[in-house]
PDB file of N, CA and C in Angstrom:
ATOM      1  N   MET A   1      13.154   8.904   6.949  1.00  0.00           N
ATOM      2  CA  MET A   1      12.013   9.706   6.722  1.00  0.00           C
ATOM      3  C   MET A   1      11.865   9.750   5.066  1.00  0.00           C
ATOM      4  N   PHE A   2      12.873   9.961   4.335  1.00  0.00           N
ATOM      5  CA  PHE A   2      12.867  10.154   2.968  1.00  0.00           C
ATOM      6  C   PHE A   2      12.246   8.765   2.303  1.00  0.00           C
ATOM      7  N   HIS A   3      12.591   7.666   2.802  1.00  0.00           N
ATOM      8  CA  HIS A   3      11.981   6.462   2.253  1.00  0.00           C
ATOM      9  C   HIS A   3      10.572   6.262   2.561  1.00  0.00           C
ATOM     10  N   ARG A   4      10.105   6.679   3.752  1.00  0.00           N
ATOM     11  CA  ARG A   4       8.740   6.652   4.087  1.00  0.00           C
ATOM     12  C   ARG A   4       7.884   7.474   3.033  1.00  0.00           C
ATOM     13  N   ILE A   5       8.451   8.762   2.705  1.00  0.00           N
ATOM     14  CA  ILE A   5       7.746   9.556   1.953  1.00  0.00           C
ATOM     15  C   ILE A   5       7.756   8.943   0.416  1.00  0.00           C
ATOM     16  N   MET A   6       8.759   8.327  -0.002  1.00  0.00           N
ATOM     17  CA  MET A   6       8.792   7.783  -1.232  1.00  0.00           C
ATOM     18  C   MET A   6       7.880   6.534  -1.361  1.00  0.00           C
ATOM     19  N   ARG A   7       7.755   5.702  -0.244  1.00  0.00           N
ATOM     20  CA  ARG A   7       6.890   4.595  -0.216  1.00  0.00           C
ATOM     21  C   ARG A   7       5.456   5.141  -0.432  1.00  0.00           C
ATOM     22  N   LEU A   8       5.176   6.109   0.487  1.00  0.00           N
ATOM     23  CA  LEU A   8       3.817   6.642   0.362  1.00  0.00           C
ATOM     24  C   LEU A   8       3.423   7.251  -0.927  1.00  0.00           C
ATOM     25  N   SER A   9       4.402   7.853  -1.369  1.00  0.00           N
ATOM     26  CA  SER A   9       4.075   8.501  -3.011  1.00  0.00           C
ATOM     27  C   SER A   9       3.820   7.490  -3.924  1.00  0.00           C
ATOM     28  N   LEU A  10       4.537   6.260  -3.769  1.00  0.00           N
ATOM     29  CA  LEU A  10       4.223   5.133  -4.856  1.00  0.00           C
ATOM     30  C   LEU A  10       3.043   4.599  -4.374  1.00  0.00           C
ATOM     31  N   ILE A  11       2.535   4.530  -3.258  1.00  0.00           N
ATOM     32  CA  ILE A  11       1.153   3.818  -2.869  1.00  0.00           C
ATOM     33  C   ILE A  11       0.165   4.865  -3.457  1.00  0.00           C
ATOM     34  N   LEU A  12       0.280   6.038  -3.176  1.00  0.00           N
ATOM     35  CA  LEU A  12      -0.753   7.114  -3.589  1.00  0.00           C
ATOM     36  C   LEU A  12      -0.772   7.010  -5.193  1.00  0.00           C
ATOM     37  N   THR A  13       0.460   6.871  -5.959  1.00  0.00           N
ATOM     38  CA  THR A  13       0.242   6.886  -7.335  1.00  0.00           C
ATOM     39  C   THR A  13      -0.386   5.690  -7.890  1.00  0.00           C
ATOM     40  N   GLY A  14      -0.015   4.505  -7.246  1.00  0.00           N
ATOM     41  CA  GLY A  14      -0.774   3.305  -7.692  1.00  0.00           C
ATOM     42  C   GLY A  14      -2.202   3.324  -7.354  1.00  0.00           C
ATOM     43  N   ALA A  15      -2.431   3.698  -6.128  1.00  0.00           N
ATOM     44  CA  ALA A  15      -3.890   3.906  -5.800  1.00  0.00           C
ATOM     45  C   ALA A  15      -4.632   4.863  -6.786  1.00  0.00           C
ATOM     46  N   ALA A  16      -4.030   5.961  -7.139  1.00  0.00           N
ATOM     47  CA  ALA A  16      -4.637   6.956  -8.034  1.00  0.00           C
ATOM     48  C   ALA A  16      -4.975   6.329  -9.359  1.00  0.00           C
ATOM     49  N   GLY A  17      -4.056   5.487  -9.956  1.00  0.00           N
ATOM     50  CA  GLY A  17      -4.208   4.835 -11.171  1.00  0.00           C
ATOM     51  C   GLY A  17      -5.338   3.926 -11.328  1.00  0.00           C
ATOM     52  N   LEU A  18      -5.272   3.218 -10.146  1.00  0.00           N
ATOM     53  CA  LEU A  18      -6.541   2.189  -9.945  1.00  0.00           C
ATOM     54  C   LEU A  18      -7.923   2.885  -9.884  1.00  0.00           C
ATOM     55  N   ALA A  19      -7.865   3.868  -9.161  1.00  0.00           N
ATOM     56  CA  ALA A  19      -9.143   4.811  -8.985  1.00  0.00           C
ATOM     57  C   ALA A  19      -9.658   5.316 -10.408  1.00  0.00           C
ATOM     58  N   LEU A  20      -8.802   5.870 -11.174  1.00  0.00           N
ATOM     59  CA  LEU A  20      -9.002   6.466 -12.402  1.00  0.00           C
ATOM     60  C   LEU A  20      -9.671   5.390 -13.381  1.00  0.00           C
ATOM     61  N   ALA A  21      -8.938   4.290 -13.261  1.00  0.00           N
ATOM     62  CA  ALA A  21      -9.380   3.128 -14.272  1.00  0.00           C
ATOM     63  C   ALA A  21     -10.887   2.703 -13.820  1.00  0.00           C
ATOM     64  N   GLN A  22     -11.113   2.736 -12.570  1.00  0.00           N
ATOM     65  CA  GLN A  22     -12.484   2.385 -12.170  1.00  0.00           C
ATOM     66  C   GLN A  22     -13.571   3.539 -12.126  1.00  0.00           C
ATOM     67  N   GLY A  23     -13.106   4.594 -12.450  1.00  0.00           N
ATOM     68  CA  GLY A  23     -14.007   5.863 -12.370  1.00  0.00           C
ATOM     69  C   GLY A  23     -14.376   6.092 -10.881  1.00  0.00           C
ATOM     70  N   LYS A  24     -13.445   5.912  -9.843  1.00  0.00           N
ATOM     71  CA  LYS A  24     -13.672   6.247  -8.512  1.00  0.00           C
ATOM     72  C   LYS A  24     -12.932   7.579  -8.192  1.00  0.00           C
ATOM     73  N   PRO A  25     -13.245   8.154  -7.109  1.00  0.00           N
ATOM     74  CA  PRO A  25     -12.408   9.298  -6.478  1.00  0.00           C
ATOM     75  C   PRO A  25     -10.884   8.935  -6.335  1.00  0.00           C
ATOM     76  N   ILE A  26      -9.978   9.766  -6.552  1.00  0.00           N
ATOM     77  CA  ILE A  26      -8.672   9.556  -6.406  1.00  0.00           C
ATOM     78  C   ILE A  26      -8.203   9.549  -4.802  1.00  0.00           C
ATOM     79  N   PRO A  27      -7.640   8.550  -4.296  1.00  0.00           N
ATOM     80  CA  PRO A  27      -7.254   8.431  -2.906  1.00  0.00           C
ATOM     81  C   PRO A  27      -6.451   9.708  -2.623  1.00  0.00           C
ATOM     82  N   GLN A  28      -6.613  10.185  -1.442  1.00  0.00           N
ATOM     83  CA  GLN A  28      -5.728  11.626  -1.164  1.00  0.00           C
ATOM     84  C   GLN A  28      -5.369  11.599   0.396  1.00  0.00           C
ATOM     85  N   LEU A  29      -4.356  12.514   0.617  1.00  0.00           N
ATOM     86  CA  LEU A  29      -4.035  12.715   1.995  1.00  0.00           C
ATOM     87  C   LEU A  29      -4.825  13.940   2.310  1.00  0.00           C
ATOM     88  N   VAL A  30      -5.548  14.045   3.485  1.00  0.00           N
ATOM     89  CA  VAL A  30      -6.382  15.155   3.882  1.00  0.00           C
ATOM     90  C   VAL A  30      -5.803  15.578   5.189  1.00  0.00           C
ATOM     91  N   LYS A  31      -5.474  16.928   5.293  1.00  0.00           N
ATOM     92  CA  LYS A  31      -4.901  17.530   6.439  1.00  0.00           C
ATOM     93  C   LYS A  31      -6.101  18.142   7.224  1.00  0.00           C
ATOM     94  N   SER A  32      -6.219  17.860   8.448  1.00  0.00           N
ATOM     95  CA  SER A  32      -7.236  18.290   9.350  1.00  0.00           C
ATOM     96  C   SER A  32      -6.591  18.374  10.867  1.00  0.00           C
ATOM     97  N   GLY A  33      -6.693  19.746  11.325  1.00  0.00           N
ATOM     98  CA  GLY A  33      -6.234  19.927  12.740  1.00  0.00           C
ATOM     99  C   GLY A  33      -4.663  19.421  12.934  1.00  0.00           C
ATOM    100  N   GLY A  34      -3.869  19.493  11.817  1.00  0.00           N
ATOM    101  CA  GLY A  34      -2.410  19.177  11.980  1.00  0.00           C
ATOM    102  C   GLY A  34      -2.134  17.584  11.918  1.00  0.00           C
ATOM    103  N   ARG A  35      -3.115  17.035  11.407  1.00  0.00           N
ATOM    104  CA  ARG A  35      -3.016  15.532  11.314  1.00  0.00           C
ATOM    105  C   ARG A  35      -3.361  15.167   9.880  1.00  0.00           C
ATOM    106  N   TYR A  36      -2.850  14.220   9.289  1.00  0.00           N
ATOM    107  CA  TYR A  36      -3.014  13.751   7.898  1.00  0.00           C
ATOM    108  C   TYR A  36      -3.884  12.356   7.958  1.00  0.00           C
ATOM    109  N   THR A  37      -4.907  12.176   7.128  1.00  0.00           N
ATOM    110  CA  THR A  37      -5.669  11.018   6.985  1.00  0.00           C
ATOM    111  C   THR A  37      -5.563  10.574   5.525  1.00  0.00           C
ATOM    112  N   PHE A  38      -5.321   9.324   5.276  1.00  0.00           N
ATOM    113  CA  PHE A  38      -5.450   8.677   4.004  1.00  0.00           C
ATOM    114  C   PHE A  38      -6.703   8.248   3.749  1.00  0.00           C
ATOM    115  N   VAL A  39      -7.412   8.895   2.662  1.00  0.00           N
ATOM    116  CA  VAL A  39      -8.827   8.761   2.482  1.00  0.00           C
ATOM    117  C   VAL A  39      -8.917   8.006   1.029  1.00  0.00           C
ATOM    118  N   VAL A  40      -9.459   6.843   1.077  1.00  0.00           N
ATOM    119  CA  VAL A  40      -9.860   6.064  -0.071  1.00  0.00           C
ATOM    120  C   VAL A  40     -11.335   5.816  -0.239  1.00  0.00           C
ATOM    121  N   ASP A  41     -11.921   6.108  -1.311  1.00  0.00           N
ATOM    122  CA  ASP A  41     -13.382   5.981  -1.690  1.00  0.00           C
ATOM    123  C   ASP A  41     -14.201   6.810  -0.621  1.00  0.00           C
ATOM    124  N   GLY A  42     -13.654   8.063  -0.124  1.00  0.00           N
ATOM    125  CA  GLY A  42     -14.300   8.744   0.579  1.00  0.00           C
ATOM    126  C   GLY A  42     -14.440   8.416   2.173  1.00  0.00           C
ATOM    127  N   LYS A  43     -13.571   7.329   2.460  1.00  0.00           N
ATOM    128  CA  LYS A  43     -13.473   6.737   3.801  1.00  0.00           C
ATOM    129  C   LYS A  43     -12.033   6.815   4.342  1.00  0.00           C
ATOM    130  N   PRO A  44     -11.849   7.069   5.608  1.00  0.00           N
ATOM    131  CA  PRO A  44     -10.339   6.885   6.131  1.00  0.00           C
ATOM    132  C   PRO A  44      -9.863   5.540   5.877  1.00  0.00           C
ATOM    133  N   PHE A  45      -8.609   5.288   5.521  1.00  0.00           N
ATOM    134  CA  PHE A  45      -8.198   3.938   5.230  1.00  0.00           C
ATOM    135  C   PHE A  45      -6.807   3.809   6.071  1.00  0.00           C
ATOM    136  N   LEU A  46      -6.890   2.704   6.778  1.00  0.00           N
ATOM    137  CA  LEU A  46      -5.697   2.278   7.622  1.00  0.00           C
ATOM    138  C   LEU A  46      -5.095   1.424   7.085  1.00  0.00           C
ATOM    139  N   ILE A  47      -3.711   1.868   6.856  1.00  0.00           N
ATOM    140  CA  ILE A  47      -2.644   0.919   6.091  1.00  0.00           C
ATOM    141  C   ILE A  47      -2.165  -0.091   7.177  1.00  0.00           C
ATOM    142  N   LEU A  48      -2.579  -1.425   6.856  1.00  0.00           N
ATOM    143  CA  LEU A  48      -2.004  -2.532   7.434  1.00  0.00           C
ATOM    144  C   LEU A  48      -1.014  -3.126   6.571  1.00  0.00           C
ATOM    145  N   GLY A  49       0.354  -2.667   6.761  1.00  0.00           N
ATOM    146  CA  GLY A  49       1.313  -2.960   5.844  1.00  0.00           C
ATOM    147  C   GLY A  49       2.301  -4.160   6.314  1.00  0.00           C
ATOM    148  N   ALA A  50       2.966  -4.688   5.246  1.00  0.00           N
ATOM    149  CA  ALA A  50       3.959  -5.740   5.490  1.00  0.00           C
ATOM    150  C   ALA A  50       4.795  -5.597   4.605  1.00  0.00           C
ATOM    151  N   GLN A  51       6.143  -6.121   4.796  1.00  0.00           N
ATOM    152  CA  GLN A  51       7.103  -6.169   3.814  1.00  0.00           C
ATOM    153  C   GLN A  51       7.703  -7.636   3.595  1.00  0.00           C
ATOM    154  N   VAL A  52       7.864  -7.853   2.278  1.00  0.00           N
ATOM    155  CA  VAL A  52       8.379  -9.210   2.020  1.00  0.00           C
ATOM    156  C   VAL A  52       9.883  -8.963   1.742  1.00  0.00           C
ATOM    157  N   ASN A  53      10.697  -9.787   2.710  1.00  0.00           N
ATOM    158  CA  ASN A  53      12.109  -9.646   2.475  1.00  0.00           C
ATOM    159  C   ASN A  53      12.656 -10.187   1.191  1.00  0.00           C
ATOM    160  N   ASN A  54      13.863  -9.817   0.863  1.00  0.00           N
ATOM    161  CA  ASN A  54      14.622 -10.117  -0.503  1.00  0.00           C
ATOM    162  C   ASN A  54      14.549 -11.710  -0.697  1.00  0.00           C
ATOM    163  N   PRO A  55      14.922 -12.569   0.258  1.00  0.00           N
ATOM    164  CA  PRO A  55      14.990 -13.980  -0.191  1.00  0.00           C
ATOM    165  C   PRO A  55      13.739 -14.477  -0.454  1.00  0.00           C
ATOM    166  N   ASN A  56      12.502 -13.996  -0.137  1.00  0.00           N
ATOM    167  CA  ASN A  56      11.319 -14.502  -0.506  1.00  0.00           C
ATOM    168  C   ASN A  56      10.613 -13.881  -1.732  1.00  0.00           C
ATOM    169  N   ALA A  57      11.443 -13.073  -2.482  1.00  0.00           N
ATOM    170  CA  ALA A  57      10.935 -12.297  -3.562  1.00  0.00           C
ATOM    171  C   ALA A  57      11.018 -13.270  -4.846  1.00  0.00           C
ATOM    172  N   PHE A  58      11.585 -14.344  -4.797  1.00  0.00           N
ATOM    173  CA  PHE A  58      11.744 -15.326  -5.940  1.00  0.00           C
ATOM    174  C   PHE A  58      10.487 -15.957  -6.151  1.00  0.00           C
ATOM    175  N   PRO A  59      10.058 -16.302  -7.396  1.00  0.00           N
ATOM    176  CA  PRO A  59       8.803 -16.889  -7.774  1.00  0.00           C
ATOM    177  C   PRO A  59       8.550 -18.173  -6.882  1.00  0.00           C
ATOM    178  N   ASP A  60       9.430 -19.094  -6.663  1.00  0.00           N
ATOM    179  CA  ASP A  60       9.055 -20.277  -6.029  1.00  0.00           C
ATOM    180  C   ASP A  60       8.833 -20.004  -4.462  1.00  0.00           C
ATOM    181  N   LEU A  61       9.268 -18.912  -4.042  1.00  0.00           N
ATOM    182  CA  LEU A  61       8.916 -18.695  -2.580  1.00  0.00           C
ATOM    183  C   LEU A  61       7.729 -17.611  -2.310  1.00  0.00           C
ATOM    184  N   MET A  62       7.165 -17.235  -3.466  1.00  0.00           N
ATOM    185  CA  MET A  62       6.033 -16.172  -3.258  1.00  0.00           C
ATOM    186  C   MET A  62       4.875 -16.773  -2.599  1.00  0.00           C
ATOM    187  N   GLU A  63       4.540 -18.023  -2.804  1.00  0.00           N
ATOM    188  CA  GLU A  63       3.361 -18.507  -2.230  1.00  0.00           C
ATOM    189  C   GLU A  63       3.296 -18.601  -0.778  1.00  0.00           C
ATOM    190  N   PRO A  64       4.350 -19.069  -0.193  1.00  0.00           N
ATOM    191  CA  PRO A  64       4.256 -19.019   1.191  1.00  0.00           C
ATOM    192  C   PRO A  64       4.158 -17.465   1.913  1.00  0.00           C
ATOM    193  N   ALA A  65       4.882 -16.726   1.090  1.00  0.00           N
ATOM    194  CA  ALA A  65       4.916 -15.327   1.607  1.00  0.00           C
ATOM    195  C   ALA A  65       3.404 -14.709   1.544  1.00  0.00           C
ATOM    196  N   TRP A  66       2.688 -14.984   0.453  1.00  0.00           N
ATOM    197  CA  TRP A  66       1.308 -14.582   0.349  1.00  0.00           C
ATOM    198  C   TRP A  66       0.395 -15.162   1.413  1.00  0.00           C
ATOM    199  N   LEU A  67       0.649 -16.280   1.762  1.00  0.00           N
ATOM    200  CA  LEU A  67      -0.171 -16.963   2.896  1.00  0.00           C
ATOM    201  C   LEU A  67       0.090 -16.323   4.138  1.00  0.00           C
ATOM    202  N   LYS A  68       1.150 -15.960   4.459  1.00  0.00           N
ATOM    203  CA  LYS A  68       1.649 -15.303   5.754  1.00  0.00           C
ATOM    204  C   LYS A  68       1.005 -13.875   5.737  1.00  0.00           C
ATOM    205  N   LEU A  69       1.122 -13.294   4.618  1.00  0.00           N
ATOM    206  CA  LEU A  69       0.551 -11.898   4.538  1.00  0.00           C
ATOM    207  C   LEU A  69      -0.963 -11.901   4.786  1.00  0.00           C
ATOM    208  N   LYS A  70      -1.651 -13.037   4.216  1.00  0.00           N
ATOM    209  CA  LYS A  70      -2.979 -12.963   4.316  1.00  0.00           C
ATOM    210  C   LYS A  70      -3.350 -13.433   5.782  1.00  0.00           C
ATOM    211  N   ALA A  71      -2.643 -14.251   6.484  1.00  0.00           N
ATOM    212  CA  ALA A  71      -2.962 -14.439   7.891  1.00  0.00           C
ATOM    213  C   ALA A  71      -2.661 -13.354   8.704  1.00  0.00           C
ATOM    214  N   MET A  72      -1.876 -12.355   8.308  1.00  0.00           N
ATOM    215  CA  MET A  72      -1.719 -11.062   9.057  1.00  0.00           C
ATOM    216  C   MET A  72      -2.632 -10.071   8.744  1.00  0.00           C
ATOM    217  N   HIS A  73      -3.547 -10.283   7.846  1.00  0.00           N
ATOM    218  CA  HIS A  73      -4.724  -9.415   7.394  1.00  0.00           C
ATOM    219  C   HIS A  73      -4.161  -8.100   6.814  1.00  0.00           C
ATOM    220  N   ALA A  74      -2.932  -8.279   6.031  1.00  0.00           N
ATOM    221  CA  ALA A  74      -2.335  -6.865   5.605  1.00  0.00           C
ATOM    222  C   ALA A  74      -3.114  -6.563   4.241  1.00  0.00           C
ATOM    223  N   ASN A  75      -3.273  -5.270   4.204  1.00  0.00           N
ATOM    224  CA  ASN A  75      -3.926  -4.661   3.116  1.00  0.00           C
ATOM    225  C   ASN A  75      -3.038  -3.740   2.093  1.00  0.00           C
ATOM    226  N   THR A  76      -1.749  -3.809   2.682  1.00  0.00           N
ATOM    227  CA  THR A  76      -0.584  -3.089   1.664  1.00  0.00           C
ATOM    228  C   THR A  76       0.611  -3.854   1.883  1.00  0.00           C
ATOM    229  N   ILE A  77       1.237  -4.037   0.662  1.00  0.00           N
ATOM    230  CA  ILE A  77       2.438  -4.898   0.744  1.00  0.00           C
ATOM    231  C   ILE A  77       3.548  -4.154   0.072  1.00  0.00           C
ATOM    232  N   GLU A  78       4.688  -4.351   0.626  1.00  0.00           N
ATOM    233  CA  GLU A  78       6.064  -3.802  -0.124  1.00  0.00           C
ATOM    234  C   GLU A  78       6.598  -5.073  -0.555  1.00  0.00           C
ATOM    235  N   TYR A  79       6.752  -5.196  -1.894  1.00  0.00           N
ATOM    236  CA  TYR A  79       7.262  -6.369  -2.571  1.00  0.00           C
ATOM    237  C   TYR A  79       8.456  -6.093  -3.416  1.00  0.00           C
ATOM    238  N   PRO A  80       9.662  -6.590  -3.223  1.00  0.00           N
ATOM    239  CA  PRO A  80      10.773  -6.275  -4.015  1.00  0.00           C
ATOM    240  C   PRO A  80      10.610  -6.871  -5.509  1.00  0.00           C
ATOM    241  N   VAL A  81      10.945  -6.035  -6.500  1.00  0.00           N
ATOM    242  CA  VAL A  81      10.695  -6.611  -7.879  1.00  0.00           C
ATOM    243  C   VAL A  81      12.140  -6.308  -8.436  1.00  0.00           C
ATOM    244  N   TYR A  82      12.610  -7.532  -9.095  1.00  0.00           N
ATOM    245  CA  TYR A  82      13.933  -7.532  -9.729  1.00  0.00           C
ATOM    246  C   TYR A  82      13.721  -7.540 -11.190  1.00  0.00           C
TER     247      TYR A  82
END
């Protein structure tokens, strides 16, 4: 559970930085009726996430990983950085 919260906080931090740089509203978690919704540009945003495993994090293996993620229609990616 802790890792999920940390990942979400990193996503929100990155999204907020991008929004501020572009003059857009900051993405936020909105609680309504006991549920949370991630709102980006005023609309609900469904995270279609994927994780790149450690062996694919090296530069010569990145392109095949990106192609697979694109085929999955992922809009959020967790990518290890060394």
